[in-house]
N, C-alpha and C. Protein backbone atom coordinates (compact mmCIF):
# COMPACT_ATOMS: atom_id res chain seq x y z
N MET A 1 1.08 -1.12 0.04
CA MET A 1 0.22 0.26 -0.36
C MET A 1 0.87 0.68 -0.03
N SER A 2 1.00 1.80 -0.71
CA SER A 2 1.60 3.39 -0.89
C SER A 2 1.21 3.76 -0.29
N THR A 3 1.98 4.83 0.50
CA THR A 3 1.98 5.46 0.83
C THR A 3 0.28 6.90 1.42
N ALA A 4 0.23 7.63 -0.82
CA ALA A 4 -0.29 8.49 -0.46
C ALA A 4 -2.08 7.92 -1.35
N SER A 5 -1.97 5.90 -0.87
CA SER A 5 -3.21 5.20 -0.43
C SER A 5 -3.67 5.93 0.51
N VAL A 6 -3.54 5.85 1.82
CA VAL A 6 -3.46 5.85 3.39
C VAL A 6 -4.37 7.60 3.48
N SER A 7 -6.25 7.14 3.79
CA SER A 7 -6.22 8.63 4.47
C SER A 7 -6.87 8.74 5.66
N VAL A 8 -6.36 9.56 6.15
CA VAL A 8 -6.64 10.00 6.63
C VAL A 8 -7.79 10.89 7.51
N ARG A 9 -8.10 11.16 9.13
CA ARG A 9 -9.65 10.97 9.66
C ARG A 9 -9.33 13.07 9.10
N PRO A 10 -9.79 13.60 9.30
CA PRO A 10 -9.94 14.46 9.93
C PRO A 10 -10.21 14.53 11.07
N GLY A 11 -9.33 16.43 12.03
CA GLY A 11 -8.55 16.41 12.59
C GLY A 11 -7.54 15.65 12.56
N THR A 12 -6.01 14.99 12.43
CA THR A 12 -5.35 14.42 11.89
C THR A 12 -4.36 15.82 12.30
N VAL A 13 -3.00 15.40 12.92
CA VAL A 13 -1.91 15.99 13.33
C VAL A 13 -0.87 15.64 12.72
N LEU A 14 0.31 16.38 11.70
CA LEU A 14 1.77 15.16 11.26
C LEU A 14 2.48 14.07 12.67
N ALA A 15 2.40 13.87 13.41
CA ALA A 15 2.26 13.23 15.00
C ALA A 15 1.80 12.48 14.56
N ASP A 16 0.56 12.21 14.32
CA ASP A 16 -1.08 11.34 13.99
C ASP A 16 -0.45 10.00 13.31
N LEU A 17 0.17 10.43 12.54
CA LEU A 17 0.94 9.18 11.50
C LEU A 17 1.63 8.49 11.43
N LEU A 18 1.67 8.21 13.23
CA LEU A 18 3.04 8.00 13.27
C LEU A 18 2.08 7.25 14.23
N PRO A 19 2.64 5.89 14.24
CA PRO A 19 1.56 4.48 14.96
C PRO A 19 1.65 5.39 16.25
N ALA A 20 0.34 5.54 17.18
CA ALA A 20 -0.49 6.02 18.38
C ALA A 20 0.61 4.70 19.77
N SER A 21 0.74 5.52 20.52
CA SER A 21 1.60 4.61 21.70
C SER A 21 1.31 5.21 23.18
N ARG A 22 1.38 5.23 24.68
CA ARG A 22 2.63 6.17 25.24
C ARG A 22 4.63 6.00 24.73
N VAL A 23 4.17 5.61 24.06
CA VAL A 23 5.98 4.96 23.78
C VAL A 23 5.87 6.57 23.07
N ARG A 24 5.36 6.51 21.52
CA ARG A 24 5.61 7.06 20.35
C ARG A 24 5.50 9.04 21.65
N ASP A 25 4.57 8.50 22.41
CA ASP A 25 4.08 10.12 22.90
C ASP A 25 4.82 11.21 23.78
N ILE A 26 5.41 10.09 24.81
CA ILE A 26 6.20 10.68 25.80
C ILE A 26 7.21 10.88 24.59
N ALA A 27 8.40 10.12 23.92
CA ALA A 27 9.29 10.79 22.78
C ALA A 27 8.84 11.92 22.53
N LEU A 28 7.66 11.75 21.69
CA LEU A 28 7.45 13.04 20.67
C LEU A 28 7.52 14.71 21.91
N VAL A 29 7.31 14.25 22.27
CA VAL A 29 7.17 15.30 24.51
C VAL A 29 8.26 15.24 24.56
N ALA A 30 9.23 14.35 24.99
CA ALA A 30 10.58 14.97 24.80
C ALA A 30 10.77 15.38 23.89
N GLY A 31 11.03 14.84 22.45
CA GLY A 31 11.44 14.88 21.12
C GLY A 31 12.00 16.60 21.29
N GLY A 32 9.99 17.61 20.63
CA GLY A 32 9.56 19.03 21.35
C GLY A 32 10.30 19.28 22.44
N ALA A 33 10.38 19.06 23.54
CA ALA A 33 11.32 20.27 24.21
C ALA A 33 13.02 19.99 24.40
N ALA A 34 12.97 19.00 23.52
CA ALA A 34 14.70 19.35 23.21
C ALA A 34 14.58 19.91 22.34
N LEU A 35 13.90 20.16 20.48
CA LEU A 35 14.68 20.81 19.32
C LEU A 35 13.84 22.04 20.08
N THR A 36 13.32 22.27 21.15
CA THR A 36 12.88 23.96 20.69
C THR A 36 14.02 24.51 21.61
N GLY A 37 14.79 23.53 22.39
CA GLY A 37 16.07 23.59 23.70
C GLY A 37 17.16 23.48 23.03
N LEU A 38 17.58 23.05 22.07
CA LEU A 38 18.40 23.47 20.67
C LEU A 38 18.41 24.69 20.14
N ALA A 39 16.89 24.89 19.31
CA ALA A 39 17.06 26.42 18.92
C ALA A 39 16.78 27.88 19.49
N ALA A 40 16.35 27.22 21.00
CA ALA A 40 16.66 28.54 21.29
C ALA A 40 18.85 28.56 22.25
N GLN A 41 19.27 28.30 21.87
CA GLN A 41 20.49 28.37 21.14
C GLN A 41 21.08 29.48 20.42
N ILE A 42 20.31 29.34 19.34
CA ILE A 42 19.89 30.35 17.89
C ILE A 42 19.61 31.57 18.30
N ALA A 43 20.96 31.83 19.41
CA ALA A 43 20.56 33.44 19.31
C ALA A 43 21.85 34.00 19.31
N VAL A 44 20.39 35.43 18.53
CA VAL A 44 21.30 36.84 18.12
C VAL A 44 20.36 37.86 19.07
N PRO A 45 21.79 38.95 19.89
CA PRO A 45 20.80 39.83 20.64
C PRO A 45 20.55 40.87 20.09
N VAL A 46 19.58 41.50 20.72
CA VAL A 46 19.73 42.64 20.19
C VAL A 46 19.30 43.68 20.88
N PRO A 47 20.51 44.57 20.27
CA PRO A 47 20.77 46.32 21.24
C PRO A 47 19.89 46.42 21.58
N GLY A 48 19.66 47.51 23.04
CA GLY A 48 18.51 47.61 23.40
C GLY A 48 17.63 47.02 23.90
N SER A 49 18.10 45.39 24.46
CA SER A 49 16.96 45.13 24.61
C SER A 49 17.61 43.84 25.73
N PRO A 50 17.15 43.73 26.73
CA PRO A 50 17.26 42.16 27.68
C PRO A 50 17.18 41.09 26.61
N VAL A 51 16.01 40.61 25.55
CA VAL A 51 15.75 39.60 24.31
C VAL A 51 15.84 39.78 23.47
N PRO A 52 17.12 38.19 23.76
CA PRO A 52 17.53 38.23 21.95
C PRO A 52 16.49 38.19 20.76
N VAL A 53 17.41 37.44 19.63
CA VAL A 53 16.35 36.60 18.71
C VAL A 53 16.48 35.73 18.40
N THR A 54 15.93 35.20 18.90
CA THR A 54 15.61 32.54 18.28
C THR A 54 15.77 31.91 18.10
N GLY A 55 15.40 30.90 18.32
CA GLY A 55 14.85 29.73 17.43
C GLY A 55 13.54 29.06 17.79
N GLN A 56 13.61 29.31 19.04
CA GLN A 56 12.87 29.17 20.13
C GLN A 56 11.71 28.98 19.86
N THR A 57 10.44 30.46 19.27
CA THR A 57 9.67 30.61 18.64
C THR A 57 9.23 30.18 17.68
N PHE A 58 10.10 29.81 16.43
CA PHE A 58 10.13 28.88 15.40
C PHE A 58 10.09 27.68 15.65
N ALA A 59 10.73 27.50 16.81
CA ALA A 59 10.27 25.42 17.19
C ALA A 59 9.35 25.21 18.49
N ALA A 60 8.65 26.66 19.05
CA ALA A 60 7.45 26.04 19.76
C ALA A 60 6.16 25.50 19.18
N LEU A 61 6.69 26.85 17.91
CA LEU A 61 4.83 26.62 16.41
C LEU A 61 4.84 24.84 16.37
N LEU A 62 5.98 24.84 15.75
CA LEU A 62 6.22 23.41 14.23
C LEU A 62 5.89 22.93 15.95
N VAL A 63 6.44 22.79 16.71
CA VAL A 63 5.70 21.23 17.97
C VAL A 63 4.75 21.71 17.90
N GLY A 64 4.26 22.34 18.23
CA GLY A 64 2.33 22.45 18.47
C GLY A 64 2.26 21.92 17.62
N THR A 65 2.14 22.58 16.35
CA THR A 65 1.05 22.31 14.78
C THR A 65 2.04 20.82 14.14
N ALA A 66 3.38 21.02 15.07
CA ALA A 66 2.89 19.17 14.35
C ALA A 66 2.29 17.85 15.06
N LEU A 67 2.07 18.34 16.45
CA LEU A 67 1.95 16.98 17.86
C LEU A 67 0.94 17.92 18.22
N GLY A 68 0.10 18.66 17.71
CA GLY A 68 -0.94 18.81 18.29
C GLY A 68 -2.03 20.06 20.21
N ALA A 69 -2.38 19.98 20.33
CA ALA A 69 -2.99 20.23 20.88
C ALA A 69 -2.04 20.58 22.51
N ARG A 70 -2.44 18.78 22.68
CA ARG A 70 -2.15 18.30 23.86
C ARG A 70 -1.08 17.37 24.25
N LEU A 71 -0.27 17.45 23.03
CA LEU A 71 0.92 16.92 23.16
C LEU A 71 1.89 18.34 22.69
N GLY A 72 1.14 19.71 21.91
CA GLY A 72 1.85 20.56 21.90
C GLY A 72 2.23 21.25 22.87
N PHE A 73 1.28 21.03 23.67
CA PHE A 73 1.59 21.95 25.88
C PHE A 73 2.30 21.05 26.68
N LEU A 74 2.52 19.56 26.57
CA LEU A 74 3.16 19.12 27.13
C LEU A 74 4.50 19.14 26.88
N SER A 75 5.15 18.95 26.26
CA SER A 75 6.90 18.94 25.29
C SER A 75 6.73 20.87 25.86
N LEU A 76 5.56 21.54 25.58
CA LEU A 76 6.21 23.10 25.38
C LEU A 76 6.14 23.40 26.88
N ALA A 77 5.66 22.35 28.16
CA ALA A 77 5.21 22.36 29.53
C ALA A 77 6.23 22.02 30.08
N ALA A 78 7.38 21.01 29.63
CA ALA A 78 7.91 20.36 29.61
C ALA A 78 9.85 21.02 28.85
N TYR A 79 9.36 21.68 28.79
CA TYR A 79 10.62 22.48 28.04
C TYR A 79 10.68 23.44 29.25
N ALA A 80 9.72 24.63 29.72
CA ALA A 80 8.88 25.42 30.59
C ALA A 80 9.86 24.97 32.04
N LEU A 81 9.78 23.89 31.99
CA LEU A 81 8.95 23.74 33.32
C LEU A 81 11.56 22.33 34.25
N ALA A 82 11.77 22.79 33.32
CA ALA A 82 12.68 21.29 33.07
C ALA A 82 14.10 23.02 33.44
N GLY A 83 13.64 24.27 32.54
CA GLY A 83 14.39 25.17 31.83
C GLY A 83 13.93 26.67 33.66
N ALA A 84 12.78 26.25 34.35
CA ALA A 84 12.38 26.81 35.68
C ALA A 84 13.30 25.77 36.17
N ALA A 85 13.76 24.87 35.69
CA ALA A 85 14.43 23.67 37.44
C ALA A 85 15.66 24.42 37.05
N GLY A 86 16.31 24.69 36.33
CA GLY A 86 17.64 24.95 36.79
C GLY A 86 18.96 23.90 34.79
N VAL A 87 17.93 23.78 33.89
CA VAL A 87 18.68 23.09 33.39
C VAL A 87 19.24 24.18 32.09
N PRO A 88 19.80 24.72 31.52
CA PRO A 88 20.52 25.71 30.45
C PRO A 88 19.54 25.67 29.31
N TRP A 89 18.75 25.48 29.39
CA TRP A 89 18.40 25.22 27.82
C TRP A 89 17.83 26.79 26.95
N PHE A 90 17.25 27.81 28.10
CA PHE A 90 16.51 28.78 27.79
C PHE A 90 17.54 29.90 26.26
N ALA A 91 17.10 30.65 25.30
CA ALA A 91 18.83 31.54 24.99
C ALA A 91 19.99 31.31 25.89
N ASN A 92 20.52 31.43 25.42
CA ASN A 92 21.95 31.04 26.13
C ASN A 92 22.46 30.46 26.01
N GLY A 93 22.06 30.09 26.64
CA GLY A 93 22.05 28.31 27.67
C GLY A 93 21.32 28.84 29.26
N THR A 94 20.71 29.52 29.57
CA THR A 94 20.33 30.22 30.88
C THR A 94 18.91 29.34 31.37
N SER A 95 18.82 30.02 32.53
CA SER A 95 17.59 28.86 32.91
C SER A 95 17.14 29.63 33.81
N GLY A 96 15.72 29.48 34.58
CA GLY A 96 15.30 29.84 35.50
C GLY A 96 14.10 30.53 35.55
N ALA A 97 13.54 30.68 36.49
CA ALA A 97 12.10 31.28 35.76
C ALA A 97 11.34 32.41 35.86
N PHE A 98 12.69 33.27 36.19
CA PHE A 98 12.16 34.36 36.40
C PHE A 98 13.65 35.90 35.54
N GLY A 99 13.32 35.15 34.84
CA GLY A 99 14.32 36.19 34.03
C GLY A 99 13.17 36.97 32.99
N ALA A 100 14.09 37.97 32.24
CA ALA A 100 13.20 39.32 31.89
C ALA A 100 12.48 38.51 30.62
N SER A 101 12.76 37.64 29.66
CA SER A 101 12.17 36.98 28.57
C SER A 101 12.01 35.85 29.15
N PHE A 102 11.82 35.04 30.71
CA PHE A 102 10.22 33.55 30.55
C PHE A 102 9.33 34.15 30.77
N GLY A 103 8.58 35.17 29.96
CA GLY A 103 6.76 35.56 29.64
C GLY A 103 6.89 35.14 28.21
N TYR A 104 8.35 34.58 27.63
CA TYR A 104 8.05 34.58 26.24
C TYR A 104 8.15 33.01 25.84
N VAL A 105 8.41 32.36 27.04
CA VAL A 105 8.67 31.10 27.32
C VAL A 105 6.89 30.45 27.86
N LEU A 106 6.78 30.86 28.10
CA LEU A 106 5.04 31.32 28.59
C LEU A 106 4.42 31.11 27.66
N GLY A 107 4.20 32.57 26.91
CA GLY A 107 3.61 32.26 26.06
C GLY A 107 3.59 31.42 24.65
N MET A 108 4.80 30.64 24.58
CA MET A 108 4.99 30.02 23.82
C MET A 108 4.36 28.72 24.35
N LEU A 109 3.58 28.56 25.39
CA LEU A 109 3.39 27.58 26.07
C LEU A 109 1.66 27.24 25.32
N LEU A 110 1.30 28.44 25.61
CA LEU A 110 0.13 28.88 24.78
C LEU A 110 -0.48 29.00 23.59
N ALA A 111 0.70 29.62 23.42
CA ALA A 111 0.94 29.66 21.45
C ALA A 111 1.14 28.08 20.89
N ALA A 112 1.71 26.96 21.92
CA ALA A 112 2.50 26.17 21.17
C ALA A 112 0.28 25.27 20.64
N THR A 113 -0.49 25.36 21.92
CA THR A 113 -1.31 24.71 22.45
C THR A 113 -2.63 25.19 21.23
N VAL A 114 -2.37 26.48 20.51
CA VAL A 114 -3.69 27.17 20.38
C VAL A 114 -3.03 27.57 18.78
N VAL A 115 -2.11 26.69 17.86
CA VAL A 115 -1.61 25.99 16.87
C VAL A 115 -2.41 25.17 16.89
N GLY A 116 -1.26 24.33 17.35
CA GLY A 116 -1.60 23.33 17.73
C GLY A 116 -3.29 22.37 17.81
N ALA A 117 -4.12 23.66 18.43
CA ALA A 117 -6.21 22.89 18.18
C ALA A 117 -5.88 23.60 16.39
N LEU A 118 -5.31 24.44 16.35
CA LEU A 118 -5.72 24.56 15.34
C LEU A 118 -5.41 23.41 13.85
N ALA A 119 -3.78 22.98 14.15
CA ALA A 119 -3.47 21.88 12.99
C ALA A 119 -5.07 21.13 13.02
N ARG A 120 -5.17 20.68 14.13
CA ARG A 120 -6.20 20.05 13.84
C ARG A 120 -8.04 19.89 13.18
N ARG A 121 -7.97 20.97 12.90
CA ARG A 121 -9.02 21.94 12.69
C ARG A 121 -8.00 21.99 10.52
N GLY A 122 -7.11 21.83 10.50
CA GLY A 122 -6.70 22.37 8.92
C GLY A 122 -6.00 22.89 8.86
N ALA A 123 -5.25 23.62 10.08
CA ALA A 123 -4.57 25.36 9.67
C ALA A 123 -3.11 24.80 9.06
N ASP A 124 -2.58 23.11 9.63
CA ASP A 124 -1.32 23.51 8.72
C ASP A 124 -1.79 23.21 7.70
N ARG A 125 -2.82 23.24 6.54
CA ARG A 125 -2.45 22.18 5.46
C ARG A 125 -2.15 23.37 4.30
N SER A 126 -1.82 24.20 4.49
CA SER A 126 -2.08 25.09 2.55
C SER A 126 -1.73 26.64 3.12
N VAL A 127 -1.29 27.06 2.48
CA VAL A 127 0.64 27.55 2.94
C VAL A 127 -0.67 29.39 3.94
N LEU A 128 -2.43 29.89 2.95
CA LEU A 128 -2.48 31.28 3.28
C LEU A 128 -2.77 30.51 4.95
N ARG A 129 -3.37 29.94 5.64
CA ARG A 129 -3.84 28.86 6.43
C ARG A 129 -2.47 28.70 7.47
N THR A 130 -1.67 28.62 6.94
CA THR A 130 -0.66 28.04 7.78
C THR A 130 -0.34 29.39 9.00
N ALA A 131 0.01 30.39 7.32
CA ALA A 131 -0.49 31.60 7.46
C ALA A 131 -0.69 32.33 8.59
N GLY A 132 -1.61 32.34 8.76
CA GLY A 132 -2.40 32.74 9.65
C GLY A 132 -2.53 32.33 11.17
N ALA A 133 -2.15 31.02 11.49
CA ALA A 133 -2.21 29.92 12.34
C ALA A 133 -1.00 30.67 13.39
N MET A 134 0.81 30.37 12.04
CA MET A 134 1.26 31.47 13.03
C MET A 134 1.73 33.11 13.28
N ALA A 135 0.85 33.23 12.61
CA ALA A 135 0.11 34.74 13.23
C ALA A 135 -0.17 34.80 14.36
N LEU A 136 -1.04 34.14 14.93
CA LEU A 136 -2.06 33.59 16.41
C LEU A 136 -0.55 33.62 16.68
N GLY A 137 0.11 32.69 16.73
CA GLY A 137 1.15 31.74 17.10
C GLY A 137 2.06 33.00 18.62
N SER A 138 2.01 33.59 16.85
CA SER A 138 3.32 35.28 16.74
C SER A 138 2.74 36.34 18.24
N ALA A 139 1.45 36.20 17.73
CA ALA A 139 1.14 37.38 18.59
C ALA A 139 0.28 36.26 20.09
N LEU A 140 0.17 35.76 20.65
CA LEU A 140 0.21 35.21 21.59
C LEU A 140 1.57 34.62 22.80
N ILE A 141 2.12 34.39 21.46
CA ILE A 141 3.59 34.71 22.17
C ILE A 141 3.82 36.11 22.35
N TYR A 142 3.37 37.41 22.31
CA TYR A 142 3.90 38.50 22.46
C TYR A 142 3.10 38.98 23.37
N ALA A 143 2.09 38.56 23.86
CA ALA A 143 0.04 39.10 24.43
C ALA A 143 1.30 39.03 25.98
N VAL A 144 1.68 37.31 26.06
CA VAL A 144 2.20 37.39 27.58
C VAL A 144 3.79 37.70 27.47
N GLY A 145 4.14 38.23 25.98
CA GLY A 145 5.76 37.73 26.64
C GLY A 145 6.73 39.62 27.28
N VAL A 146 5.30 40.09 26.74
CA VAL A 146 6.31 41.81 26.40
C VAL A 146 5.88 42.09 27.58
N PRO A 147 4.33 42.13 28.17
CA PRO A 147 3.76 42.79 29.37
C PRO A 147 4.74 41.79 30.72
N TYR A 148 5.38 40.55 30.74
CA TYR A 148 6.19 39.90 31.36
C TYR A 148 7.82 40.65 31.74
N LEU A 149 7.46 40.94 30.33
CA LEU A 149 9.37 41.98 30.01
C LEU A 149 8.77 42.99 30.94
N ALA A 150 7.57 43.78 30.93
CA ALA A 150 8.10 45.44 31.78
C ALA A 150 7.45 45.19 33.50
N LEU A 151 7.46 43.40 33.17
CA LEU A 151 6.75 44.02 34.89
C LEU A 151 8.33 43.39 35.29
N SER A 152 9.24 42.79 35.14
CA SER A 152 10.15 41.92 35.48
C SER A 152 12.24 43.08 35.11
N THR A 153 11.74 44.20 34.57
CA THR A 153 12.14 45.20 34.15
C THR A 153 12.45 46.09 34.56
N GLY A 154 10.62 46.75 35.37
CA GLY A 154 10.05 47.86 35.64
C GLY A 154 9.58 49.01 34.40
N MET A 155 10.47 48.37 32.56
CA MET A 155 10.38 48.84 31.43
C MET A 155 8.50 49.31 31.79
N SER A 156 8.05 50.37 31.22
CA SER A 156 6.93 50.60 30.76
C SER A 156 6.44 50.00 30.17
N LEU A 157 5.42 49.57 29.43
CA LEU A 157 4.96 49.48 28.33
C LEU A 157 4.74 49.36 27.25
N GLY A 158 5.32 50.46 26.49
CA GLY A 158 5.41 51.59 25.93
C GLY A 158 6.61 50.81 25.15
N ALA A 159 8.00 50.91 26.75
CA ALA A 159 9.16 50.72 26.29
C ALA A 159 9.74 49.59 26.70
N ALA A 160 8.57 47.99 26.70
CA ALA A 160 8.08 46.69 26.19
C ALA A 160 8.20 47.08 24.87
N VAL A 161 7.34 47.21 25.10
CA VAL A 161 6.42 46.92 23.28
C VAL A 161 8.20 47.20 21.98
N ALA A 162 8.35 48.11 22.25
CA ALA A 162 9.92 48.44 21.78
C ALA A 162 10.90 48.19 21.17
N ALA A 163 11.76 47.59 22.25
CA ALA A 163 12.75 46.05 22.89
C ALA A 163 12.66 45.49 23.04
N GLY A 164 10.39 44.53 22.91
CA GLY A 164 11.04 43.27 22.71
C GLY A 164 9.39 42.77 21.16
N LEU A 165 8.77 44.03 21.04
CA LEU A 165 8.36 43.17 20.33
C LEU A 165 9.12 43.92 18.58
N VAL A 166 9.14 45.16 18.50
CA VAL A 166 9.56 45.78 17.53
C VAL A 166 10.32 44.85 16.63
N PRO A 167 11.22 44.55 17.75
CA PRO A 167 12.91 44.66 16.48
C PRO A 167 12.22 43.19 15.74
N PHE A 168 11.62 42.32 16.40
CA PHE A 168 11.37 40.60 16.33
C PHE A 168 10.21 40.40 15.54
N LEU A 169 9.56 42.17 14.60
CA LEU A 169 8.42 42.17 13.37
C LEU A 169 9.22 41.02 12.64
N ILE A 170 10.20 41.58 11.69
CA ILE A 170 10.43 41.33 10.70
C ILE A 170 11.14 39.62 10.34
N GLY A 171 11.87 38.75 11.66
CA GLY A 171 12.54 37.92 11.80
C GLY A 171 11.16 36.84 11.98
N ASP A 172 10.10 37.18 12.46
CA ASP A 172 8.80 36.24 13.51
C ASP A 172 8.27 36.40 11.25
N ALA A 173 7.75 37.42 11.21
CA ALA A 173 7.78 37.13 9.28
C ALA A 173 8.25 36.16 8.85
N LEU A 174 10.11 35.93 8.79
CA LEU A 174 10.83 34.87 7.61
C LEU A 174 10.27 34.11 8.30
N LYS A 175 10.53 33.37 9.81
CA LYS A 175 9.26 32.07 10.68
C LYS A 175 8.35 31.62 10.20
N ALA A 176 7.73 32.62 9.98
CA ALA A 176 6.66 31.94 9.70
C ALA A 176 6.47 32.07 8.51
N ALA A 177 7.16 32.16 6.58
CA ALA A 177 7.08 32.20 5.61
C ALA A 177 7.93 30.08 5.98
N LEU A 178 8.91 30.30 6.52
CA LEU A 178 9.34 28.86 6.71
C LEU A 178 8.77 27.88 6.77
N ALA A 179 7.52 28.27 7.84
CA ALA A 179 6.81 27.79 8.08
C ALA A 179 5.72 27.34 7.30
N MET A 180 5.67 28.34 6.63
CA MET A 180 4.36 28.23 5.26
C MET A 180 4.27 27.50 3.96
N GLY A 181 6.37 27.45 4.31
CA GLY A 181 6.41 26.14 3.04
C GLY A 181 6.81 24.80 3.68
N LEU A 182 6.71 24.97 4.76
CA LEU A 182 6.87 23.67 5.40
C LEU A 182 6.36 22.71 5.12
N LEU A 183 4.76 22.83 6.33
CA LEU A 183 4.32 22.06 7.18
C LEU A 183 2.60 21.60 5.97
N PRO A 184 2.76 22.62 5.08
CA PRO A 184 2.13 21.71 3.57
C PRO A 184 2.65 20.80 2.83
N ALA A 185 3.83 22.00 2.59
CA ALA A 185 4.88 20.64 2.40
C ALA A 185 5.09 19.24 2.38
N ALA A 186 4.70 19.10 4.18
CA ALA A 186 5.16 17.77 4.79
C ALA A 186 4.33 17.22 4.56
N TRP A 187 2.69 17.53 4.40
CA TRP A 187 1.40 16.33 4.42
C TRP A 187 1.62 16.60 2.52
N LYS A 188 1.88 16.98 2.24
CA LYS A 188 2.52 16.76 0.40
C LYS A 188 3.42 15.32 0.23
N LEU A 189 3.84 15.44 0.89
CA LEU A 189 5.15 14.16 1.39
C LEU A 189 4.54 12.63 2.03
N ALA A 190 4.03 13.34 2.80
CA ALA A 190 2.95 12.06 3.23
C ALA A 190 1.78 12.18 2.47
N GLY A 191 1.21 12.34 1.50
CA GLY A 191 0.64 11.97 -0.28
C GLY A 191 -1.06 12.20 0.63
N ARG A 192 -0.84 13.19 1.37
CA ARG A 192 -2.75 13.68 2.35
C ARG A 192 -2.90 15.01 2.54
N SER A 193 -2.33 15.46 1.44
CA SER A 193 -3.02 17.17 0.90
C SER A 193 -4.35 16.96 1.82
């Protein structure tokens, strides 16, 4: 039987293409957390901001979309809890729950859950729907991260927006464009568009 001849139930995400088991779920959750931690090490400082440009937001959105809401949430929860407990896999090998950028990590947890739920509704099957899911996921990350940045540093909300949102918009657009190509292509490769 060819891959293209297998039908996929509505509500399927990429992770569902693997045989279901607890071992699979544990491996996907651990793998998603590890991918996010590795991507966080791709960090470029932003002048005037305590928050660097990293690959972790892209990884978090990709993990949520590929794993679905439940496993995406668990994966980002494992990432956040392990980092808060001292695993040095936040941006630039840092850890802890009270840094200026920890709010973005919490936002990624929410975003992975929401984009995972959207992926179950087919948001990862076309370029335009993927763009919408990535834009919403990024907005959720900022909705939590920017106010947390302001509170943790004593910045005004306006200063936090200037330091923790504006410099990242172009990079987020590039990450979304990458996801817009990768996710629909993954479905086509699987023969399930």
